[in-house]
Protein backbone atom coordinates (compact mmCIF):
# COMPACT_ATOMS: atom_id res chain seq x y z
CA MET A 1 -0.57 3.29 21.00
CA GLN A 2 0.79 5.81 18.85
CA ALA A 3 -1.23 8.80 17.60
CA TYR A 4 -1.35 9.29 13.95
CA ILE A 5 -3.49 10.82 11.10
CA ILE A 6 -3.92 9.35 7.80
CA VAL A 7 -3.71 12.31 4.80
CA PRO A 8 -2.64 12.41 1.22
CA ALA A 9 1.18 12.46 0.74
CA GLU A 10 2.51 15.90 -0.29
CA ALA A 11 5.97 16.61 -2.45
CA SER A 12 7.57 17.34 0.92
CA ASP A 13 6.96 13.79 2.11
CA ALA A 14 8.98 12.16 -0.60
CA GLU A 15 12.22 11.92 1.24
CA SER A 16 10.69 10.56 4.44
CA ILE A 17 8.55 7.99 2.16
CA GLU A 18 12.05 6.83 0.69
CA GLN A 19 13.53 6.03 3.88
CA ILE A 20 10.55 3.77 4.94
CA GLU A 21 11.01 2.27 1.25
CA LYS A 22 14.69 1.43 2.26
CA GLU A 23 13.79 0.31 5.59
CA CYS A 24 11.04 -2.03 4.36
CA LEU A 25 11.38 -3.11 0.90
CA SER A 26 14.00 -5.21 -1.01
CA LEU A 27 13.68 -2.94 -4.10
CA PRO A 28 12.92 0.47 -2.91
CA LEU A 29 11.80 3.32 -5.15
CA ASN A 30 14.15 6.46 -4.77
CA LYS A 31 12.93 9.98 -4.25
CA GLU A 32 12.46 11.07 -7.84
CA GLN A 33 10.31 8.20 -8.47
CA ILE A 34 8.47 8.62 -5.24
CA LEU A 35 7.61 12.16 -6.25
CA SER A 36 6.74 11.46 -9.60
CA GLN A 37 3.93 9.25 -8.17
CA ILE A 38 2.83 11.88 -5.48
CA GLU A 39 2.53 14.38 -8.53
CA ASP A 40 0.72 11.87 -10.75
CA GLU A 41 -3.28 11.98 -10.64
CA ARG A 42 -3.42 8.43 -11.42
CA TYR A 43 -1.86 7.39 -8.18
CA THR A 44 -3.14 7.89 -4.52
CA ILE A 45 -0.48 7.95 -2.08
CA LEU A 46 -1.38 7.99 1.79
CA CYS A 47 0.59 8.78 4.66
CA ALA A 48 0.44 8.10 8.29
CA LYS A 49 1.65 11.14 10.11
CA GLY A 50 2.80 11.07 13.77
CA GLU A 51 2.25 13.95 16.37
CA ASP A 52 5.11 15.67 15.27
CA SER A 53 4.29 15.23 11.62
CA CYS A 54 6.93 12.64 11.04
CA ILE A 55 5.87 9.81 8.44
CA LEU A 56 5.37 6.48 10.09
CA GLY A 57 3.91 4.55 7.13
CA TYR A 58 2.59 4.94 3.61
CA ALA A 59 0.49 3.19 1.20
CA GLY A 60 0.13 3.85 -2.50
CA MET A 61 -2.27 2.83 -5.32
CA TYR A 62 -2.07 3.26 -9.03
CA CYS A 63 -5.53 3.34 -10.89
CA VAL A 64 -6.32 2.46 -14.68
CA LEU A 65 -9.73 3.11 -15.87
CA ASP A 66 -11.90 1.34 -13.06
CA GLU A 67 -9.25 -0.95 -11.59
CA GLY A 68 -6.93 -0.26 -8.59
CA TYR A 69 -3.64 -1.96 -7.96
CA ILE A 70 -1.92 -1.54 -4.39
CA THR A 71 1.66 -0.53 -5.06
CA ASN A 72 2.93 -0.65 -1.46
CA VAL A 73 1.81 -0.47 2.20
CA ALA A 74 4.85 0.13 4.51
CA VAL A 75 5.25 1.19 8.03
CA SER A 76 8.59 1.80 9.76
CA ALA A 77 9.77 -0.83 11.96
CA ALA A 78 9.54 1.62 15.22
CA ALA A 79 5.86 2.38 14.30
CA ARG A 80 4.58 -1.23 13.83
CA ARG A 81 1.92 -2.82 16.01
CA ASN A 82 -0.21 0.70 16.15
CA HIS A 83 -2.63 -0.73 13.13
CA ILE A 84 -1.17 1.85 10.75
CA ALA A 85 -1.10 -0.43 7.82
CA ASP A 86 -4.85 -1.54 8.91
CA ALA A 87 -5.61 2.39 8.85
CA LEU A 88 -3.50 2.92 5.52
CA LEU A 89 -5.36 -0.01 3.92
CA SER A 90 -8.87 1.36 4.96
CA GLY A 91 -8.06 4.72 3.43
CA LEU A 92 -7.23 3.10 0.27
CA GLN A 93 -10.44 1.41 0.04
CA MET A 94 -12.37 4.37 1.13
CA ARG A 95 -10.56 6.09 -1.86
CA SER A 96 -11.30 3.04 -4.06
CA GLU A 97 -15.05 3.48 -3.49
CA GLU A 98 -15.07 7.20 -4.20
CA LEU A 99 -13.42 6.50 -7.52
CA LYS A 100 -15.96 4.06 -8.27
CA LEU A 101 -13.26 1.22 -8.77
CA THR A 102 -14.47 -2.50 -9.78
CA PHE A 103 -11.69 -4.08 -7.83
CA LEU A 104 -8.53 -3.49 -5.79
CA THR A 105 -5.78 -5.91 -6.39
CA LEU A 106 -2.02 -6.56 -5.16
CA GLU A 107 0.85 -8.75 -4.68
CA VAL A 108 2.38 -10.06 -1.19
CA ARG A 109 5.15 -12.12 -0.55
CA GLU A 110 3.80 -15.84 -0.02
CA SER A 111 5.64 -15.87 3.41
CA ASN A 112 4.04 -12.55 4.62
CA ILE A 113 1.50 -14.11 6.85
CA PRO A 114 0.68 -10.98 8.83
CA ALA A 115 0.20 -8.84 5.61
CA ILE A 116 -1.88 -11.91 4.11
CA THR A 117 -3.87 -12.10 7.39
CA LEU A 118 -4.46 -7.99 7.22
CA TYR A 119 -5.55 -8.13 3.36
CA ARG A 120 -8.30 -11.14 4.29
CA LYS A 121 -9.58 -9.00 7.22
CA HIS A 122 -10.28 -6.28 4.67
CA GLY A 123 -12.00 -8.74 2.28
CA PHE A 124 -9.10 -9.58 0.01
CA GLU A 125 -9.41 -13.07 -1.39
CA LYS A 126 -6.44 -14.86 -3.10
CA ALA A 127 -6.66 -14.81 -6.86
CA GLY A 128 -3.67 -16.26 -7.90
CA LEU A 129 0.13 -16.91 -7.43
CA ARG A 130 3.15 -15.16 -9.37
CA LYS A 131 5.93 -17.58 -9.31
CA GLY A 132 9.31 -16.06 -8.89
CA TYR A 133 7.98 -12.62 -8.83
CA TYR A 134 10.06 -11.08 -5.80
CA GLN A 135 13.68 -10.74 -6.06
CA ALA A 136 16.47 -10.20 -3.34
CA PRO A 137 15.29 -12.96 -1.90
CA LYS A 138 13.46 -14.79 -4.76
CA GLU A 139 9.85 -15.93 -3.77
CA ASN A 140 6.42 -16.29 -5.20
CA ALA A 141 3.93 -13.50 -4.74
CA VAL A 142 0.00 -14.38 -3.87
CA ILE A 143 -2.31 -12.12 -5.90
CA MET A 144 -5.03 -10.94 -3.64
CA THR A 145 -8.10 -8.91 -5.02
CA LYS A 146 -11.08 -7.47 -3.32
CA PHE A 147 -14.17 -6.62 -5.58
CA PHE A 148 -16.29 -3.58 -5.02
CA SER A 149 -18.96 -4.33 -7.45
CA GLU A 150 -21.50 -7.54 -7.95
CA GLU A 151 -19.70 -7.95 -11.37
CA LYS A 152 -16.40 -9.88 -11.07
CA THR A 153 -14.30 -9.17 -14.27
């Protein structure tokens, strides 16, 4: 098992996050877009850093009032199977509770069964479907949401 810590992203991490974006996502953000999110207080970007401070994975969340929207959870192929996505998601949930968010929601490719399984493990439930949401390749997105309060809005 690879050792790592979960820490808030810093400006100096933008280039490494960009590389993971290119490796994992069909429509990756560029370094400038990532940097603008790191510097924007509405975003929480967490990184999993290995022993040599290299970034193994990251997760992002955007907050609007009391709502949280997970933007990405990505782990480099070489670092997978080390529970990094699990730890990053736990970190975002802890931050959501600190911010007193009502819910946390995300979209996931309908075919991404490992991710759907991970989200269910963390208490997310299917809330809907966005037809044709993803491009390259075109695919539906499953909307998954976790509520933190008794009231569901």
